[in-house]
Each structure stands twice: as structure tokens, then as C-alpha cells.
PDB file of N, CA and C in Angstrom:
ATOM      1  N   MET A   1      12.152  -8.073 -25.183  1.00  0.00           N
ATOM      2  CA  MET A   1      13.670  -8.928 -24.160  1.00  0.00           C
ATOM      3  C   MET A   1      13.422  -8.770 -23.021  1.00  0.00           C
ATOM      4  N   THR A   2      12.406  -7.828 -22.620  1.00  0.00           N
ATOM      5  CA  THR A   2      12.342  -8.082 -20.895  1.00  0.00           C
ATOM      6  C   THR A   2      11.812  -9.509 -20.448  1.00  0.00           C
ATOM      7  N   CYS A   3      11.022 -10.035 -21.262  1.00  0.00           N
ATOM      8  CA  CYS A   3      10.575 -11.667 -20.980  1.00  0.00           C
ATOM      9  C   CYS A   3      11.896 -12.250 -20.559  1.00  0.00           C
ATOM     10  N   TYR A   4      13.115 -12.230 -21.632  1.00  0.00           N
ATOM     11  CA  TYR A   4      14.269 -13.169 -21.721  1.00  0.00           C
ATOM     12  C   TYR A   4      14.448 -12.911 -20.471  1.00  0.00           C
ATOM     13  N   TYR A   5      15.125 -11.981 -19.919  1.00  0.00           N
ATOM     14  CA  TYR A   5      15.930 -11.319 -18.588  1.00  0.00           C
ATOM     15  C   TYR A   5      14.888 -11.927 -17.121  1.00  0.00           C
ATOM     16  N   LEU A   6      13.808 -11.782 -17.346  1.00  0.00           N
ATOM     17  CA  LEU A   6      12.713 -12.510 -16.234  1.00  0.00           C
ATOM     18  C   LEU A   6      12.590 -13.583 -16.276  1.00  0.00           C
ATOM     19  N   PHE A   7      12.598 -14.602 -17.593  1.00  0.00           N
ATOM     20  CA  PHE A   7      12.495 -15.960 -17.750  1.00  0.00           C
ATOM     21  C   PHE A   7      13.684 -16.770 -17.685  1.00  0.00           C
ATOM     22  N   SER A   8      14.932 -16.376 -18.294  1.00  0.00           N
ATOM     23  CA  SER A   8      15.733 -17.075 -18.954  1.00  0.00           C
ATOM     24  C   SER A   8      16.257 -18.225 -18.066  1.00  0.00           C
ATOM     25  N   ASN A   9      16.293 -17.872 -17.002  1.00  0.00           N
ATOM     26  CA  ASN A   9      16.627 -18.593 -15.564  1.00  0.00           C
ATOM     27  C   ASN A   9      16.123 -19.941 -14.773  1.00  0.00           C
ATOM     28  N   VAL A  10      14.802 -19.661 -15.451  1.00  0.00           N
ATOM     29  CA  VAL A  10      13.366 -20.479 -14.778  1.00  0.00           C
ATOM     30  C   VAL A  10      13.825 -21.629 -15.691  1.00  0.00           C
ATOM     31  N   GLU A  11      13.273 -22.905 -14.839  1.00  0.00           N
ATOM     32  CA  GLU A  11      13.272 -24.083 -15.044  1.00  0.00           C
ATOM     33  C   GLU A  11      12.523 -24.371 -16.018  1.00  0.00           C
ATOM     34  N   GLY A  12      12.506 -24.740 -17.365  1.00  0.00           N
ATOM     35  CA  GLY A  12      11.210 -25.077 -18.089  1.00  0.00           C
ATOM     36  C   GLY A  12      11.044 -24.233 -18.952  1.00  0.00           C
ATOM     37  N   TRP A  13      11.758 -22.691 -19.350  1.00  0.00           N
ATOM     38  CA  TRP A  13      11.622 -22.064 -19.968  1.00  0.00           C
ATOM     39  C   TRP A  13      11.962 -22.660 -21.480  1.00  0.00           C
ATOM     40  N   PRO A  14      10.870 -21.848 -22.029  1.00  0.00           N
ATOM     41  CA  PRO A  14      10.662 -22.808 -23.895  1.00  0.00           C
ATOM     42  C   PRO A  14      11.440 -21.676 -24.395  1.00  0.00           C
ATOM     43  N   GLY A  15      11.910 -20.385 -24.226  1.00  0.00           N
ATOM     44  CA  GLY A  15      12.440 -19.623 -25.055  1.00  0.00           C
ATOM     45  C   GLY A  15      11.574 -18.471 -25.552  1.00  0.00           C
ATOM     46  N   ILE A  16      11.833 -17.324 -25.823  1.00  0.00           N
ATOM     47  CA  ILE A  16      11.341 -16.380 -26.041  1.00  0.00           C
ATOM     48  C   ILE A  16      10.377 -16.633 -27.645  1.00  0.00           C
ATOM     49  N   THR A  17      11.076 -17.373 -28.385  1.00  0.00           N
ATOM     50  CA  THR A  17      11.155 -17.565 -29.758  1.00  0.00           C
ATOM     51  C   THR A  17       9.983 -18.983 -29.946  1.00  0.00           C
ATOM     52  N   SER A  18       9.526 -19.349 -29.379  1.00  0.00           N
ATOM     53  CA  SER A  18       8.855 -20.258 -29.104  1.00  0.00           C
ATOM     54  C   SER A  18       7.286 -20.600 -29.362  1.00  0.00           C
ATOM     55  N   PRO A  19       6.514 -20.903 -29.895  1.00  0.00           N
ATOM     56  CA  PRO A  19       5.481 -20.981 -29.861  1.00  0.00           C
ATOM     57  C   PRO A  19       5.221 -21.203 -28.389  1.00  0.00           C
ATOM     58  N   ASP A  20       5.316 -21.758 -27.350  1.00  0.00           N
ATOM     59  CA  ASP A  20       4.855 -21.955 -26.460  1.00  0.00           C
ATOM     60  C   ASP A  20       4.437 -20.971 -25.057  1.00  0.00           C
ATOM     61  N   VAL A  21       5.746 -20.090 -25.526  1.00  0.00           N
ATOM     62  CA  VAL A  21       5.816 -19.079 -24.291  1.00  0.00           C
ATOM     63  C   VAL A  21       5.035 -18.500 -23.894  1.00  0.00           C
ATOM     64  N   LYS A  22       3.914 -18.084 -24.515  1.00  0.00           N
ATOM     65  CA  LYS A  22       2.869 -17.193 -24.403  1.00  0.00           C
ATOM     66  C   LYS A  22       1.949 -18.252 -23.057  1.00  0.00           C
ATOM     67  N   GLU A  23       2.029 -19.660 -23.246  1.00  0.00           N
ATOM     68  CA  GLU A  23       1.149 -20.273 -22.531  1.00  0.00           C
ATOM     69  C   GLU A  23       2.256 -20.522 -21.093  1.00  0.00           C
ATOM     70  N   PHE A  24       3.320 -20.961 -21.308  1.00  0.00           N
ATOM     71  CA  PHE A  24       4.063 -21.220 -20.247  1.00  0.00           C
ATOM     72  C   PHE A  24       4.143 -19.737 -19.055  1.00  0.00           C
ATOM     73  N   ILE A  25       4.342 -18.396 -19.666  1.00  0.00           N
ATOM     74  CA  ILE A  25       4.024 -17.141 -19.058  1.00  0.00           C
ATOM     75  C   ILE A  25       2.732 -17.209 -18.198  1.00  0.00           C
ATOM     76  N   VAL A  26       1.807 -17.679 -19.217  1.00  0.00           N
ATOM     77  CA  VAL A  26       0.323 -17.493 -18.228  1.00  0.00           C
ATOM     78  C   VAL A  26       0.275 -18.591 -17.295  1.00  0.00           C
ATOM     79  N   LYS A  27       0.776 -19.283 -17.479  1.00  0.00           N
ATOM     80  CA  LYS A  27       0.642 -20.943 -16.496  1.00  0.00           C
ATOM     81  C   LYS A  27       1.024 -20.151 -15.551  1.00  0.00           C
ATOM     82  N   TYR A  28       2.355 -19.365 -15.187  1.00  0.00           N
ATOM     83  CA  TYR A  28       2.960 -18.965 -13.696  1.00  0.00           C
ATOM     84  C   TYR A  28       2.808 -17.635 -13.492  1.00  0.00           C
ATOM     85  N   GLN A  29       1.800 -16.996 -13.979  1.00  0.00           N
ATOM     86  CA  GLN A  29       1.679 -15.848 -13.572  1.00  0.00           C
ATOM     87  C   GLN A  29       1.121 -15.766 -12.424  1.00  0.00           C
ATOM     88  N   ILE A  30       0.980 -14.653 -11.477  1.00  0.00           N
ATOM     89  CA  ILE A  30       0.209 -14.286 -10.360  1.00  0.00           C
ATOM     90  C   ILE A  30      -0.326 -12.754 -10.283  1.00  0.00           C
ATOM     91  N   PRO A  31      -1.413 -12.684  -9.334  1.00  0.00           N
ATOM     92  CA  PRO A  31      -2.193 -11.371  -9.691  1.00  0.00           C
ATOM     93  C   PRO A  31      -1.042 -10.517  -8.714  1.00  0.00           C
ATOM     94  N   ALA A  32      -1.131  -9.569  -9.140  1.00  0.00           N
ATOM     95  CA  ALA A  32      -1.072  -8.448  -8.603  1.00  0.00           C
ATOM     96  C   ALA A  32      -1.779  -7.709  -7.252  1.00  0.00           C
ATOM     97  N   GLU A  33      -0.729  -7.463  -6.016  1.00  0.00           N
ATOM     98  CA  GLU A  33      -1.735  -7.101  -5.014  1.00  0.00           C
ATOM     99  C   GLU A  33      -2.214  -5.916  -4.849  1.00  0.00           C
ATOM    100  N   ALA A  34      -1.393  -5.190  -5.651  1.00  0.00           N
ATOM    101  CA  ALA A  34      -1.583  -3.284  -5.616  1.00  0.00           C
ATOM    102  C   ALA A  34      -0.821  -2.978  -6.685  1.00  0.00           C
ATOM    103  N   TRP A  35      -1.255  -2.045  -7.464  1.00  0.00           N
ATOM    104  CA  TRP A  35      -0.428  -0.840  -7.999  1.00  0.00           C
ATOM    105  C   TRP A  35      -0.197   0.491  -7.616  1.00  0.00           C
ATOM    106  N   PHE A  36       0.770   1.256  -7.981  1.00  0.00           N
ATOM    107  CA  PHE A  36       1.141   2.348  -7.644  1.00  0.00           C
ATOM    108  C   PHE A  36       1.672   3.333  -8.611  1.00  0.00           C
ATOM    109  N   VAL A  37       0.609   4.197  -9.207  1.00  0.00           N
ATOM    110  CA  VAL A  37       0.914   4.921 -10.334  1.00  0.00           C
ATOM    111  C   VAL A  37       1.483   6.501 -10.030  1.00  0.00           C
ATOM    112  N   ALA A  38       2.301   7.341  -9.672  1.00  0.00           N
ATOM    113  CA  ALA A  38       2.901   8.371  -9.464  1.00  0.00           C
ATOM    114  C   ALA A  38       1.674   9.395 -10.300  1.00  0.00           C
ATOM    115  N   HIS A  39       2.113   9.669 -11.672  1.00  0.00           N
ATOM    116  CA  HIS A  39       1.640  10.523 -12.403  1.00  0.00           C
ATOM    117  C   HIS A  39       0.579  10.198 -13.412  1.00  0.00           C
ATOM    118  N   PRO A  40      -0.794   9.315 -12.960  1.00  0.00           N
ATOM    119  CA  PRO A  40      -1.416   8.857 -13.652  1.00  0.00           C
ATOM    120  C   PRO A  40      -1.846   9.245 -15.407  1.00  0.00           C
ATOM    121  N   GLU A  41      -2.122  10.915 -15.186  1.00  0.00           N
ATOM    122  CA  GLU A  41      -2.419  11.409 -16.368  1.00  0.00           C
ATOM    123  C   GLU A  41      -1.023  11.675 -17.522  1.00  0.00           C
ATOM    124  N   LEU A  42       0.012  10.991 -17.537  1.00  0.00           N
ATOM    125  CA  LEU A  42       1.395  10.945 -17.795  1.00  0.00           C
ATOM    126  C   LEU A  42       1.490   9.857 -18.563  1.00  0.00           C
ATOM    127  N   THR A  43       1.869   9.708 -20.079  1.00  0.00           N
ATOM    128  CA  THR A  43       2.556   8.371 -20.634  1.00  0.00           C
ATOM    129  C   THR A  43       3.895   8.285 -19.765  1.00  0.00           C
ATOM    130  N   VAL A  44       4.134   6.826 -20.440  1.00  0.00           N
ATOM    131  CA  VAL A  44       5.439   6.518 -20.279  1.00  0.00           C
ATOM    132  C   VAL A  44       6.151   7.463 -21.485  1.00  0.00           C
ATOM    133  N   ALA A  45       5.944   7.707 -22.295  1.00  0.00           N
ATOM    134  CA  ALA A  45       6.727   8.517 -23.501  1.00  0.00           C
ATOM    135  C   ALA A  45       6.640   9.867 -23.118  1.00  0.00           C
ATOM    136  N   GLU A  46       5.800  10.611 -22.426  1.00  0.00           N
ATOM    137  CA  GLU A  46       5.764  11.521 -22.050  1.00  0.00           C
ATOM    138  C   GLU A  46       6.810  11.785 -20.978  1.00  0.00           C
ATOM    139  N   GLY A  47       6.878  10.896 -19.861  1.00  0.00           N
ATOM    140  CA  GLY A  47       7.923  10.596 -18.676  1.00  0.00           C
ATOM    141  C   GLY A  47       9.010  10.588 -19.429  1.00  0.00           C
ATOM    142  N   HIS A  48       9.171  10.499 -20.420  1.00  0.00           N
ATOM    143  CA  HIS A  48      10.646  10.240 -20.694  1.00  0.00           C
ATOM    144  C   HIS A  48      11.382  11.570 -21.339  1.00  0.00           C
ATOM    145  N   ARG A  49      10.094  12.381 -22.083  1.00  0.00           N
ATOM    146  CA  ARG A  49      10.330  13.403 -22.466  1.00  0.00           C
ATOM    147  C   ARG A  49      10.829  14.354 -21.455  1.00  0.00           C
ATOM    148  N   LEU A  50       9.793  14.275 -20.704  1.00  0.00           N
ATOM    149  CA  LEU A  50       9.788  15.756 -19.553  1.00  0.00           C
ATOM    150  C   LEU A  50      11.244  15.303 -18.867  1.00  0.00           C
ATOM    151  N   LYS A  51      11.858  13.949 -18.599  1.00  0.00           N
ATOM    152  CA  LYS A  51      13.181  13.848 -18.259  1.00  0.00           C
ATOM    153  C   LYS A  51      14.185  14.585 -19.214  1.00  0.00           C
ATOM    154  N   ARG A  52      13.768  13.959 -20.485  1.00  0.00           N
ATOM    155  CA  ARG A  52      15.520  14.705 -21.447  1.00  0.00           C
ATOM    156  C   ARG A  52      15.209  16.194 -21.359  1.00  0.00           C
ATOM    157  N   GLN A  53      13.993  17.117 -21.269  1.00  0.00           N
ATOM    158  CA  GLN A  53      13.780  18.253 -21.199  1.00  0.00           C
ATOM    159  C   GLN A  53      14.318  18.931 -19.664  1.00  0.00           C
ATOM    160  N   GLU A  54      14.444  18.032 -18.703  1.00  0.00           N
ATOM    161  CA  GLU A  54      14.868  18.296 -17.333  1.00  0.00           C
ATOM    162  C   GLU A  54      16.473  18.569 -17.391  1.00  0.00           C
ATOM    163  N   ALA A  55      16.927  17.732 -17.960  1.00  0.00           N
ATOM    164  CA  ALA A  55      18.230  17.263 -18.163  1.00  0.00           C
ATOM    165  C   ALA A  55      18.646  18.320 -19.166  1.00  0.00           C
ATOM    166  N   ALA A  56      18.057  18.768 -20.136  1.00  0.00           N
ATOM    167  CA  ALA A  56      18.458  19.849 -21.231  1.00  0.00           C
ATOM    168  C   ALA A  56      18.577  21.014 -20.220  1.00  0.00           C
ATOM    169  N   VAL A  57      17.522  21.504 -19.651  1.00  0.00           N
ATOM    170  CA  VAL A  57      16.974  22.667 -18.886  1.00  0.00           C
ATOM    171  C   VAL A  57      18.933  22.241 -17.669  1.00  0.00           C
ATOM    172  N   GLN A  58      18.781  21.446 -17.257  1.00  0.00           N
ATOM    173  CA  GLN A  58      19.771  21.836 -15.792  1.00  0.00           C
ATOM    174  C   GLN A  58      20.987  22.051 -16.699  1.00  0.00           C
ATOM    175  N   ARG A  59      21.334  21.403 -17.549  1.00  0.00           N
ATOM    176  CA  ARG A  59      22.648  21.565 -18.447  1.00  0.00           C
ATOM    177  C   ARG A  59      23.074  23.039 -18.761  1.00  0.00           C
ATOM    178  N   PHE A  60      21.564  23.894 -19.684  1.00  0.00           N
ATOM    179  CA  PHE A  60      21.589  24.835 -19.804  1.00  0.00           C
ATOM    180  C   PHE A  60      22.517  25.774 -18.761  1.00  0.00           C
ATOM    181  N   LEU A  61      21.665  25.726 -17.956  1.00  0.00           N
ATOM    182  CA  LEU A  61      21.917  26.721 -16.505  1.00  0.00           C
ATOM    183  C   LEU A  61      22.974  25.816 -15.745  1.00  0.00           C
ATOM    184  N   SER A  62      23.416  24.901 -15.335  1.00  0.00           N
ATOM    185  CA  SER A  62      24.935  24.938 -15.499  1.00  0.00           C
ATOM    186  C   SER A  62      26.083  25.507 -16.404  1.00  0.00           C
ATOM    187  N   ASP A  63      25.874  25.546 -17.328  1.00  0.00           N
ATOM    188  CA  ASP A  63      26.221  26.549 -18.431  1.00  0.00           C
ATOM    189  C   ASP A  63      26.328  27.853 -18.289  1.00  0.00           C
ATOM    190  N   LEU A  64      25.772  28.335 -17.770  1.00  0.00           N
ATOM    191  CA  LEU A  64      25.315  29.571 -17.573  1.00  0.00           C
ATOM    192  C   LEU A  64      26.192  30.070 -16.293  1.00  0.00           C
ATOM    193  N   ASN A  65      26.609  29.074 -15.804  1.00  0.00           N
ATOM    194  CA  ASN A  65      27.515  29.183 -13.793  1.00  0.00           C
ATOM    195  C   ASN A  65      28.740  29.600 -14.381  1.00  0.00           C
TER     196      ASN A  65
END
């Protein structure tokens, strides 16, 4: 779904279901100059889980007051 949002307004976009979509993306990709990783020891799933836990703890603490 992300590719659709990124490329749907690009001239020549073949559509996400086209067999040519991979070649289109590869043709126009550019290398990243740098990467930033705040917590390299966490996976995305673990980060989401920790956010849900923090929200639950905050709700619990606010309910105590």
C-alpha cells in the first residue's frame, strides 16, 4: 500500500498490480545518503508493543488519580 501512496501521482506509474512495477521503482530509485536508527536493538514489532504498553500504563496511572 505504501508504494501506491508514494508513486500513484508519478507520470508513467504502471500501477501496483502491473508486472512492470518492480522495474519502474528500480529505474527511479536513488541511494540513501544516510540512515538513522534510534534503537537498533528493537524490531518494529517490539517498538509497537512497547508503545502499546506505555499507553496502557499511562491509562492505568491516570485512572488511579
